[in-house]
Amino acid sequence: MTDTKQIVDKAWSFAHVLRDDGLSYMAYTEQITFLLFLKMADEQTKPPDNKQAIVPPKFGWESLISKDGDALEVHYRHILEELAKQPGMLGEVFKKAKPEIQNPALLRRLIVDLIAPERWLSMQADVKGDIYEGLLARSAAESPKGAGQYFTPRELIRAIVDCVQPKADDTVCDPAAGTGGFLLAASQYVLDHFGSQLDKDEKKHLKNGFVHGAELVPNTARLCIMNLYLHGIDADPCPISSGADSLASSPSTKYSVVLTNPPFGKKSSITIVNEEGKAEKEDAAYERQDFWTTTKNKQLNFLQHVKTLLKPTGRCAIVVPDNVLFEGGAGETVRKKLLEQCDVHTLLRLPTGIFYAQGVKANVLFFDARPAQEKAWTSKLWVYDLRTNKHFTLKTKPLKRADLDEFVACYKPGARQKRKATWSEETPDGRWRVYDYGDLIKRDKVNLDLFWLKDESLEDGDDLPEPDILAREIADDLQTALEQFTAVAAELET
């Protein structure tokens, strides 16, 4: 079997050829999604699997590989149209699919040279996943308006999952699933830590009951579903609801773990997916009886929504922008209620320069749901500052898992009662500090935007970061300010 790197390189050489033909990485990844699915479905019908065909033969891989020229292009279009009408995961993968490769010769080369020679099913799930994740990462890097808006750095995801420690009997949900990064990392964590001990029922649960999610944009949901499928998750009905606005209604199911990075953007809007599969927005606040407050702020709505998704002792890690921590009005209400009704135990201040979207200043909030009681559940909030005096860029100095090692060690997964602060009056450079609930609730607007480290670049010009990093950070700050002014202007106009 060809080794992974060779296949990745081959996949990318095709990507460049197709880019010259006007196809973006994102569109290319999507076309590969369709072709890979057809090929693997065909492999399942042959020895040693000998499974019943999930794709009707007249629309299957063999029907595609036997054609050439214009007949191939016409048949490929027909396959996509017909498979979109099928039930289950199959219909979801091909939902609103369009044939983007207009050149029949290029389509034929992609089928014959890249997809056909490999036996994809016999590859290990993580190998296929690596190839696919590589495509998604490049798609994200290509444009913040492409995959970037829902692509969370994989190193950050791994660290978060290492802290939350999902178990084999958990149900894990991501209400803004993107390409499935959190769901896959949770599934992989269980396999890595408990794989050899899993019984038959647990293996079955991991395959078809462990992950759940929603993704508003159908094209993104398709990539997520395919990503899960390539990693061995095969559930019917499909575990990802496509084109669904997570915030629109109260959840009918509760989960034991929620891991998510909701889309950034201040203003919330009711989103309707139109006939063409494009998301249309209409400004409005969500009126939900299970929310603490009504607001147009999308992140505050997601935070409230996530609380409603959790079982009474569920665990959550959610990426939130800074405004969720300090904004007044509805923000204060949400923070106060969250501290009272949940155990909000950890906050990770993230560095800038790690997301594809520009100007993002974000944090990870970790909390556990709790049953109702009069006394506030939060007693201490532990904060780790990975932002002050830390400088990352996507290209020259990307975030690595090792950069999060100290945080995960301080977090003490599975033994939070043994935590010890690294900050004190004697060690003012410590990045790990604890705050009591009594002190938090007295802060103006219950502001949780907590920082204490001295910014070295303000103290000493010699400590300024490299010019490219400095330029990026200034641009990020300007971008954030511009977005806030735009939001205020929009509010004043309405």
Protein backbone atom coordinates (compact mmCIF):
# COMPACT_ATOMS: atom_id res chain seq x y z
CA MET A 1 0.00 0.00 0.00
CA THR A 2 1.22 3.51 -0.84
CA ASP A 3 2.41 5.32 2.24
CA THR A 4 0.39 8.23 3.64
CA LYS A 5 2.78 10.98 2.65
CA GLN A 6 2.83 9.86 -0.97
CA ILE A 7 -0.97 9.89 -1.10
CA VAL A 8 -1.09 13.33 0.54
CA ASP A 9 1.49 14.65 -1.92
CA LYS A 10 -0.44 13.15 -4.82
CA ALA A 11 -3.68 14.66 -3.52
CA TRP A 12 -2.02 18.06 -3.32
CA SER A 13 -0.52 17.89 -6.77
CA PHE A 14 -4.08 17.39 -8.04
CA ALA A 15 -5.27 20.29 -5.91
CA HIS A 16 -2.80 22.60 -7.62
CA VAL A 17 -3.82 21.42 -11.10
CA LEU A 18 -7.48 21.99 -10.23
CA ARG A 19 -6.72 25.40 -8.73
CA ASP A 20 -5.29 26.40 -12.08
CA ASP A 21 -8.67 25.31 -13.46
CA GLY A 22 -10.40 27.68 -11.02
CA LEU A 23 -11.27 25.26 -8.20
CA SER A 24 -10.60 26.32 -4.61
CA TYR A 25 -9.08 23.93 -2.05
CA MET A 26 -12.45 23.86 -0.33
CA ALA A 27 -14.32 22.86 -3.48
CA TYR A 28 -11.59 20.31 -4.29
CA THR A 29 -11.88 18.76 -0.83
CA GLU A 30 -15.62 18.50 -1.36
CA GLN A 31 -15.25 16.74 -4.72
CA ILE A 32 -12.77 14.31 -3.17
CA THR A 33 -15.40 13.69 -0.48
CA PHE A 34 -17.89 12.47 -3.08
CA LEU A 35 -15.43 10.30 -4.97
CA LEU A 36 -13.88 8.75 -1.84
CA PHE A 37 -17.30 7.85 -0.51
CA LEU A 38 -18.24 6.11 -3.77
CA LYS A 39 -14.94 4.21 -3.85
CA MET A 40 -15.14 3.03 -0.23
CA ALA A 41 -18.79 2.04 -0.60
CA ASP A 42 -17.71 -0.08 -3.57
CA GLU A 43 -14.83 -1.66 -1.60
CA GLN A 44 -17.30 -2.74 1.11
CA THR A 45 -19.15 -4.92 -1.38
CA LYS A 46 -15.99 -6.92 -2.22
CA PRO A 47 -14.01 -9.52 -0.17
CA PRO A 48 -13.28 -9.64 2.71
CA ASP A 49 -16.27 -7.45 3.68
CA ASN A 50 -18.84 -8.67 1.13
CA LYS A 51 -21.41 -6.22 2.48
CA GLN A 52 -24.66 -5.27 0.81
CA ALA A 53 -24.21 -2.21 -1.40
CA ILE A 54 -25.27 1.03 0.27
CA VAL A 55 -25.06 2.86 -3.07
CA PRO A 56 -27.40 1.65 -5.84
CA PRO A 57 -25.11 -0.04 -8.47
CA LYS A 58 -26.26 2.24 -11.30
CA PHE A 59 -24.87 5.19 -9.32
CA GLY A 60 -21.87 3.34 -7.85
CA TRP A 61 -18.11 3.53 -8.39
CA GLU A 62 -18.05 0.93 -11.17
CA SER A 63 -20.57 2.95 -13.19
CA LEU A 64 -18.31 5.99 -12.89
CA ILE A 65 -14.96 4.39 -13.67
CA SER A 66 -16.29 2.81 -16.88
CA LYS A 67 -17.04 6.20 -18.46
CA ASP A 68 -14.89 8.87 -20.12
CA GLY A 69 -15.18 12.31 -21.73
CA ASP A 70 -18.52 14.15 -21.70
CA ALA A 71 -20.37 10.96 -20.78
CA LEU A 72 -18.36 10.84 -17.52
CA GLU A 73 -19.17 14.46 -16.65
CA VAL A 74 -22.90 13.96 -17.34
CA HIS A 75 -23.04 10.70 -15.37
CA TYR A 76 -21.14 12.21 -12.42
CA ARG A 77 -23.68 15.06 -12.27
CA HIS A 78 -26.53 12.52 -12.40
CA ILE A 79 -24.97 10.44 -9.56
CA LEU A 80 -24.75 13.48 -7.28
CA GLU A 81 -28.36 14.46 -7.98
CA GLU A 82 -29.72 10.97 -7.33
CA LEU A 83 -27.68 10.15 -4.22
CA ALA A 84 -28.81 13.39 -2.57
CA LYS A 85 -32.30 11.83 -2.50
CA GLN A 86 -31.14 8.74 -0.56
CA PRO A 87 -31.87 8.24 3.17
CA GLY A 88 -29.37 8.21 6.10
CA MET A 89 -25.70 9.15 6.04
CA LEU A 90 -25.59 8.59 2.27
CA GLY A 91 -28.15 11.31 1.54
CA GLU A 92 -26.44 13.65 4.03
CA VAL A 93 -23.03 13.30 2.34
CA PHE A 94 -24.55 14.16 -1.04
CA LYS A 95 -27.06 16.77 0.17
CA LYS A 96 -27.16 19.68 -2.33
CA ALA A 97 -23.98 18.34 -3.98
CA LYS A 98 -22.79 20.03 -7.16
CA PRO A 99 -20.18 18.79 -9.68
CA GLU A 100 -17.53 21.54 -9.58
CA ILE A 101 -15.00 19.88 -11.92
CA GLN A 102 -16.08 21.00 -15.37
CA ASN A 103 -13.16 19.47 -17.26
CA PRO A 104 -13.92 15.75 -17.96
CA ALA A 105 -10.22 14.95 -18.53
CA LEU A 106 -9.30 16.28 -15.07
CA LEU A 107 -12.21 14.44 -13.48
CA ARG A 108 -11.07 11.22 -15.15
CA ARG A 109 -7.49 11.70 -13.90
CA LEU A 110 -8.71 12.31 -10.35
CA ILE A 111 -10.76 9.09 -10.46
CA VAL A 112 -8.21 6.86 -12.19
CA ASP A 113 -4.90 8.19 -10.80
CA LEU A 114 -5.72 9.29 -7.24
CA ILE A 115 -8.79 7.45 -5.96
CA ALA A 116 -8.89 4.16 -7.89
CA PRO A 117 -5.40 2.70 -7.15
CA GLU A 118 -5.80 2.75 -3.34
CA ARG A 119 -7.77 0.34 -1.21
CA TRP A 120 -9.04 3.01 1.15
CA LEU A 121 -10.98 0.76 3.52
CA SER A 122 -7.92 -1.31 4.40
CA MET A 123 -6.03 1.81 5.46
CA GLN A 124 -6.11 2.57 9.16
CA ALA A 125 -8.76 5.13 10.07
CA ASP A 126 -6.16 7.63 11.25
CA VAL A 127 -4.28 7.41 7.93
CA LYS A 128 -7.40 8.32 5.94
CA GLY A 129 -8.15 10.91 8.57
CA ASP A 130 -4.66 12.42 8.25
CA ILE A 131 -5.08 12.80 4.50
CA TYR A 132 -8.49 14.36 4.91
CA GLU A 133 -7.50 16.61 7.81
CA GLY A 134 -4.57 17.80 5.69
CA LEU A 135 -6.97 18.83 2.95
CA LEU A 136 -9.22 20.58 5.44
CA ALA A 137 -6.29 22.42 7.05
CA ARG A 138 -5.12 23.73 3.67
CA SER A 139 -8.71 24.72 2.84
CA ALA A 140 -8.86 26.67 6.09
CA ALA A 141 -5.51 28.36 5.49
CA GLU A 142 -6.62 29.40 2.03
CA SER A 143 -9.30 31.78 3.22
CA PRO A 144 -10.76 32.88 6.55
CA LYS A 145 -14.09 32.95 4.74
CA GLY A 146 -13.58 29.32 3.72
CA ALA A 147 -12.96 26.65 6.31
CA GLY A 148 -11.17 29.10 8.60
CA GLN A 149 -14.31 30.31 10.26
CA TYR A 150 -14.97 26.90 11.75
CA PHE A 151 -11.49 25.40 11.94
CA THR A 152 -10.15 25.13 15.49
CA PRO A 153 -6.40 24.43 15.81
CA ARG A 154 -6.04 20.67 16.27
CA GLU A 155 -3.39 21.10 18.99
CA LEU A 156 -5.83 23.17 21.04
CA ILE A 157 -8.58 20.59 20.52
CA ARG A 158 -6.29 17.79 21.73
CA ALA A 159 -5.36 19.73 24.89
CA ILE A 160 -9.02 20.48 25.66
CA VAL A 161 -10.00 16.83 25.18
CA ASP A 162 -7.06 15.73 27.37
CA CYS A 163 -8.49 17.95 30.13
CA VAL A 164 -12.12 16.84 29.79
CA GLN A 165 -11.20 13.11 29.53
CA PRO A 166 -14.22 11.63 27.72
CA LYS A 167 -15.15 8.04 28.70
CA ALA A 168 -16.47 5.16 26.60
CA ASP A 169 -20.03 5.56 27.92
CA ASP A 170 -20.21 9.32 27.31
CA THR A 171 -22.33 11.04 24.69
CA VAL A 172 -20.36 13.92 23.17
CA CYS A 173 -22.05 16.81 21.37
CA ASP A 174 -20.75 19.76 19.36
CA PRO A 175 -23.61 22.12 18.41
CA ALA A 176 -21.32 23.99 15.99
CA ALA A 177 -19.49 20.94 14.66
CA GLY A 178 -17.58 22.49 11.75
CA THR A 179 -15.49 19.73 10.20
CA GLY A 180 -15.78 17.51 13.29
CA GLY A 181 -12.46 18.21 15.03
CA PHE A 182 -13.77 18.01 18.62
CA LEU A 183 -15.92 14.94 17.97
CA LEU A 184 -13.07 13.03 16.34
CA ALA A 185 -10.57 13.97 19.05
CA ALA A 186 -13.00 12.76 21.75
CA SER A 187 -13.53 9.47 19.94
CA GLN A 188 -9.78 9.02 19.42
CA TYR A 189 -9.11 9.77 23.10
CA VAL A 190 -11.40 6.91 24.14
CA LEU A 191 -9.74 4.54 21.65
CA ASP A 192 -6.24 5.54 22.80
CA HIS A 193 -6.98 5.25 26.52
CA PHE A 194 -9.54 2.45 26.74
CA GLY A 195 -9.36 0.72 23.33
CA SER A 196 -8.12 -2.66 24.57
CA GLN A 197 -10.64 -2.75 27.45
CA LEU A 198 -13.78 -1.91 25.43
CA ASP A 199 -16.48 -4.58 25.37
CA LYS A 200 -18.74 -5.28 22.39
CA ASP A 201 -21.47 -2.84 23.48
CA GLU A 202 -18.97 -0.05 24.13
CA LYS A 203 -17.38 -0.53 20.71
CA LYS A 204 -20.84 -0.37 19.13
CA HIS A 205 -21.68 2.80 21.13
CA LEU A 206 -18.39 4.42 20.06
CA LYS A 207 -19.22 3.71 16.43
CA ASN A 208 -22.85 4.82 16.35
CA GLY A 209 -23.92 6.53 19.59
CA PHE A 210 -20.91 8.40 20.99
CA VAL A 211 -20.77 11.55 18.80
CA HIS A 212 -23.56 13.98 17.98
CA GLY A 213 -23.56 17.39 16.42
CA ALA A 214 -25.17 20.09 14.33
CA GLU A 215 -23.74 22.24 11.58
CA LEU A 216 -25.63 25.08 9.96
CA VAL A 217 -23.79 25.22 6.62
CA PRO A 218 -24.60 22.10 4.51
CA ASN A 219 -21.21 22.09 2.73
CA THR A 220 -19.40 22.12 6.07
CA ALA A 221 -21.70 19.46 7.52
CA ARG A 222 -20.88 17.25 4.54
CA LEU A 223 -17.15 17.53 5.25
CA CYS A 224 -17.82 16.73 8.91
CA ILE A 225 -19.92 13.65 8.12
CA MET A 226 -17.30 12.37 5.69
CA ASN A 227 -14.54 13.03 8.22
CA LEU A 228 -16.40 10.96 10.85
CA TYR A 229 -17.04 8.22 8.31
CA LEU A 230 -13.36 8.07 7.32
CA HIS A 231 -12.48 7.68 11.00
CA GLY A 232 -14.74 4.65 11.41
CA ILE A 233 -17.88 6.32 12.78
CA ASP A 234 -20.87 4.93 10.92
CA ALA A 235 -24.26 5.74 12.43
CA ASP A 236 -27.77 5.63 11.03
CA PRO A 237 -29.51 7.99 11.41
CA CYS A 238 -26.67 10.40 10.68
CA PRO A 239 -25.21 11.82 13.94
CA ILE A 240 -24.75 15.30 12.42
CA SER A 241 -27.81 17.37 11.63
CA SER A 242 -27.08 19.45 8.55
CA GLY A 243 -28.51 22.88 7.82
CA ALA A 244 -29.92 23.06 11.35
CA ASP A 245 -29.70 26.25 13.39
CA SER A 246 -28.69 24.94 16.82
CA LEU A 247 -30.00 27.99 18.63
CA ALA A 248 -33.50 27.97 17.13
CA SER A 249 -35.15 25.64 19.64
CA SER A 250 -34.67 23.87 22.96
CA PRO A 251 -32.77 20.57 22.67
CA SER A 252 -34.76 17.34 22.88
CA THR A 253 -31.68 15.34 23.96
CA LYS A 254 -29.13 16.02 26.71
CA TYR A 255 -25.47 15.00 26.57
CA SER A 256 -22.79 14.15 29.11
CA VAL A 257 -20.07 16.16 27.32
CA VAL A 258 -20.24 19.27 25.13
CA LEU A 259 -17.08 20.43 23.32
CA THR A 260 -17.49 23.34 20.94
CA ASN A 261 -16.08 26.44 19.27
CA PRO A 262 -19.15 28.39 18.13
CA PRO A 263 -18.80 30.76 15.17
CA PHE A 264 -17.43 34.18 16.03
CA GLY A 265 -19.41 37.28 15.16
CA LYS A 266 -21.14 39.62 17.58
CA LYS A 267 -24.66 39.77 16.25
CA SER A 268 -27.02 36.84 16.36
CA SER A 269 -29.46 36.30 13.58
CA ILE A 270 -32.05 33.68 12.79
CA THR A 271 -30.50 31.74 9.94
CA ILE A 272 -32.54 30.04 7.26
CA VAL A 273 -30.91 27.75 4.70
CA ASN A 274 -32.48 28.53 1.33
CA GLU A 275 -33.24 26.22 -1.61
CA GLU A 276 -29.67 26.57 -2.95
CA GLY A 277 -28.23 25.50 0.39
CA LYS A 278 -26.97 29.00 1.17
CA ALA A 279 -27.50 30.45 4.63
CA GLU A 280 -29.68 33.57 4.73
CA LYS A 281 -29.74 35.71 7.86
CA GLU A 282 -32.43 37.78 9.44
CA ASP A 283 -31.46 39.86 12.49
CA ALA A 284 -33.37 38.78 15.56
CA ALA A 285 -32.98 37.74 19.16
CA TYR A 286 -33.83 34.15 20.06
CA GLU A 287 -36.89 33.90 22.31
CA ARG A 288 -36.31 30.73 24.32
CA GLN A 289 -37.96 29.88 27.61
CA ASP A 290 -34.89 27.93 28.74
CA PHE A 291 -32.52 30.91 28.23
CA TRP A 292 -31.65 33.22 31.13
CA THR A 293 -31.93 36.32 28.98
CA THR A 294 -32.84 37.43 25.46
CA THR A 295 -29.96 38.93 23.46
CA LYS A 296 -28.73 39.38 19.91
CA ASN A 297 -25.17 38.45 20.95
CA LYS A 298 -24.47 35.13 19.25
CA GLN A 299 -21.80 33.93 21.69
CA LEU A 300 -23.96 34.63 24.73
CA ASN A 301 -26.76 32.69 23.05
CA PHE A 302 -24.43 29.77 22.37
CA LEU A 303 -23.24 29.76 25.97
CA GLN A 304 -26.85 29.64 27.18
CA HIS A 305 -27.67 26.95 24.61
CA VAL A 306 -24.71 24.78 25.67
CA LYS A 307 -25.93 24.87 29.29
CA THR A 308 -29.32 23.50 28.09
CA LEU A 309 -27.60 20.67 26.19
CA LEU A 310 -25.90 19.23 29.28
CA LYS A 311 -27.14 16.39 31.47
CA PRO A 312 -27.37 17.32 35.19
CA THR A 313 -23.68 16.43 35.73
CA GLY A 314 -22.44 17.06 32.19
CA ARG A 315 -19.03 18.59 31.41
CA CYS A 316 -18.39 21.37 28.95
CA ALA A 317 -15.48 23.15 27.28
CA ILE A 318 -16.44 26.07 25.03
CA VAL A 319 -14.29 28.57 23.12
CA VAL A 320 -15.58 32.11 23.74
CA PRO A 321 -14.32 35.53 22.58
CA ASP A 322 -13.32 38.14 25.17
CA ASN A 323 -16.62 40.06 24.93
CA VAL A 324 -18.43 37.12 26.58
CA LEU A 325 -16.26 37.68 29.66
CA PHE A 326 -16.77 41.43 30.08
CA GLU A 327 -19.85 42.66 28.18
CA GLY A 328 -22.52 44.27 30.39
CA GLY A 329 -26.30 43.85 30.28
CA ALA A 330 -27.16 40.37 29.01
CA GLY A 331 -23.48 39.37 29.40
CA GLU A 332 -23.53 40.12 33.12
CA THR A 333 -26.77 38.15 33.54
CA VAL A 334 -25.38 35.10 31.71
CA ARG A 335 -22.09 35.10 33.66
CA LYS A 336 -23.87 35.48 37.00
CA LYS A 337 -26.32 32.65 36.25
CA LEU A 338 -23.56 30.40 34.92
CA LEU A 339 -21.44 30.87 38.06
CA GLU A 340 -24.49 30.18 40.24
CA GLN A 341 -25.98 27.17 38.42
CA CYS A 342 -22.80 25.46 37.20
CA ASP A 343 -19.34 24.80 38.58
CA VAL A 344 -17.32 27.18 36.39
CA HIS A 345 -13.90 25.93 37.38
CA THR A 346 -11.35 26.82 34.66
CA LEU A 347 -10.60 29.59 32.17
CA LEU A 348 -7.80 29.38 29.61
CA ARG A 349 -6.82 32.73 28.06
CA LEU A 350 -5.76 31.89 24.51
CA PRO A 351 -2.97 33.67 22.64
CA THR A 352 -3.68 35.65 19.48
CA GLY A 353 -2.48 34.42 16.07
CA ILE A 354 -3.75 30.83 16.39
CA PHE A 355 -7.03 31.15 14.45
CA TYR A 356 -7.48 31.63 10.72
CA ALA A 357 -10.05 34.37 11.31
CA GLN A 358 -8.22 37.64 11.99
CA GLY A 359 -8.54 39.71 15.14
CA VAL A 360 -9.77 36.90 17.35
CA LYS A 361 -9.09 37.16 21.08
CA ALA A 362 -10.56 34.06 22.65
CA ASN A 363 -10.66 31.87 25.74
CA VAL A 364 -11.72 28.37 26.69
CA LEU A 365 -14.29 28.16 29.48
CA PHE A 366 -14.58 24.83 31.32
CA PHE A 367 -17.63 24.16 33.48
CA ASP A 368 -19.74 21.30 34.85
CA ALA A 369 -23.54 21.27 35.02
CA ARG A 370 -25.05 20.74 38.45
CA PRO A 371 -28.55 20.06 39.85
CA ALA A 372 -30.50 23.03 41.21
CA GLN A 373 -29.59 24.40 44.66
CA GLU A 374 -29.81 27.76 46.43
CA LYS A 375 -26.08 28.21 46.99
CA ALA A 376 -23.84 29.04 43.99
CA TRP A 377 -22.07 25.96 42.61
CA THR A 378 -18.87 27.79 41.59
CA SER A 379 -16.44 28.11 44.49
CA LYS A 380 -13.13 28.81 42.72
CA LEU A 381 -12.24 29.81 39.15
CA TRP A 382 -8.75 28.84 38.06
CA VAL A 383 -7.30 30.97 35.27
CA TYR A 384 -4.33 30.13 33.03
CA ASP A 385 -2.91 33.02 31.00
CA LEU A 386 -1.42 31.73 27.75
CA ARG A 387 -1.81 35.15 26.10
CA THR A 388 0.38 37.72 27.86
CA ASN A 389 3.93 37.76 26.40
CA LYS A 390 3.09 34.82 24.10
CA HIS A 391 3.31 35.32 20.36
CA PHE A 392 2.14 32.87 17.70
CA THR A 393 1.47 33.05 13.97
CA LEU A 394 -0.08 30.46 11.70
CA LYS A 395 2.93 30.24 9.40
CA THR A 396 6.14 31.15 11.19
CA LYS A 397 5.34 30.15 14.78
CA PRO A 398 2.24 27.94 14.94
CA LEU A 399 0.79 26.74 18.24
CA LYS A 400 2.06 23.25 19.16
CA ARG A 401 0.61 20.77 21.62
CA ALA A 402 3.77 21.22 23.74
CA ASP A 403 2.84 24.91 24.21
CA LEU A 404 -0.20 23.67 26.14
CA ASP A 405 1.62 21.07 28.26
CA GLU A 406 1.98 23.33 31.30
CA PHE A 407 -1.71 24.26 31.19
CA VAL A 408 -2.83 20.60 31.00
CA ALA A 409 -0.45 19.71 33.85
CA CYS A 410 -1.83 22.59 35.97
CA TYR A 411 -5.41 21.57 35.11
CA LYS A 412 -4.81 18.18 36.77
CA PRO A 413 -7.34 16.18 34.69
CA GLY A 414 -9.15 13.71 36.92
CA ALA A 415 -7.63 15.25 40.08
CA ARG A 416 -8.74 18.88 40.10
CA GLN A 417 -8.81 18.96 43.90
CA LYS A 418 -4.98 18.72 43.86
CA ARG A 419 -4.43 21.93 41.89
CA LYS A 420 -1.74 24.35 43.05
CA ALA A 421 -1.39 27.92 41.79
CA THR A 422 1.91 28.96 40.21
CA TRP A 423 1.12 32.66 40.83
CA SER A 424 1.62 34.32 44.21
CA GLU A 425 2.92 37.65 45.53
CA GLU A 426 6.36 36.00 45.62
CA THR A 427 6.04 34.51 42.10
CA PRO A 428 4.24 37.28 40.13
CA ASP A 429 5.19 35.68 36.77
CA GLY A 430 3.10 32.55 37.46
CA ARG A 431 0.54 31.90 34.71
CA TRP A 432 -1.89 29.83 36.87
CA ARG A 433 -3.97 31.77 39.39
CA VAL A 434 -7.11 31.03 41.42
CA TYR A 435 -10.00 33.41 42.17
CA ASP A 436 -12.71 32.86 44.81
CA TYR A 437 -16.37 33.09 43.86
CA GLY A 438 -16.91 35.82 46.47
CA ASP A 439 -14.32 38.03 44.75
CA LEU A 440 -15.63 37.34 41.24
CA ILE A 441 -19.25 38.18 42.05
CA LYS A 442 -18.18 41.58 43.51
CA ARG A 443 -16.35 42.60 40.32
CA ASP A 444 -17.97 45.29 38.17
CA LYS A 445 -20.48 43.55 35.84
CA VAL A 446 -19.10 40.20 37.14
CA ASN A 447 -16.21 40.79 34.71
CA LEU A 448 -14.27 37.55 34.11
CA ASP A 449 -11.67 39.10 31.79
CA LEU A 450 -8.94 38.41 34.34
CA PHE A 451 -5.25 39.17 33.80
CA TRP A 452 -2.34 40.03 36.07
CA LEU A 453 0.94 39.46 34.19
CA LYS A 454 2.98 42.48 33.11
CA ASP A 455 3.19 42.94 29.34
CA GLU A 456 6.96 42.89 28.76
CA SER A 457 6.72 44.83 25.50
CA LEU A 458 5.17 47.75 27.46
CA GLU A 459 7.95 47.60 30.05
CA ASP A 460 10.89 47.36 27.68
CA GLY A 461 11.06 48.12 23.95
CA ASP A 462 13.75 45.43 23.57
CA ASP A 463 11.12 42.81 24.42
CA LEU A 464 8.90 43.65 21.45
CA PRO A 465 8.00 40.63 19.31
CA GLU A 466 9.33 40.18 15.78
CA PRO A 467 8.04 42.80 13.27
CA ASP A 468 5.78 40.32 11.42
CA ILE A 469 4.17 39.17 14.70
CA LEU A 470 3.83 42.76 15.95
CA ALA A 471 2.23 43.82 12.65
CA ARG A 472 -0.23 40.93 12.85
CA GLU A 473 -1.16 41.75 16.49
CA ILE A 474 -1.74 45.43 15.62
CA ALA A 475 -3.85 44.39 12.63
CA ASP A 476 -5.82 42.01 14.87
CA ASP A 477 -6.51 44.78 17.40
CA LEU A 478 -7.63 47.15 14.63
CA GLN A 479 -9.84 44.42 13.14
CA THR A 480 -11.48 43.79 16.54
CA ALA A 481 -12.05 47.53 17.08
CA LEU A 482 -13.50 47.91 13.58
CA GLU A 483 -15.92 45.01 14.15
CA GLN A 484 -17.08 46.56 17.43
CA PHE A 485 -17.64 49.96 15.79
CA THR A 486 -19.50 48.28 12.92
CA ALA A 487 -21.76 46.46 15.38
CA VAL A 488 -22.50 49.72 17.25
CA ALA A 489 -23.21 51.54 13.96
CA ALA A 490 -25.57 48.76 12.86
CA GLU A 491 -27.42 48.94 16.20
CA LEU A 492 -27.81 52.74 15.87
CA GLU A 493 -29.21 52.40 12.35
CA THR A 494 -31.94 49.95 13.40
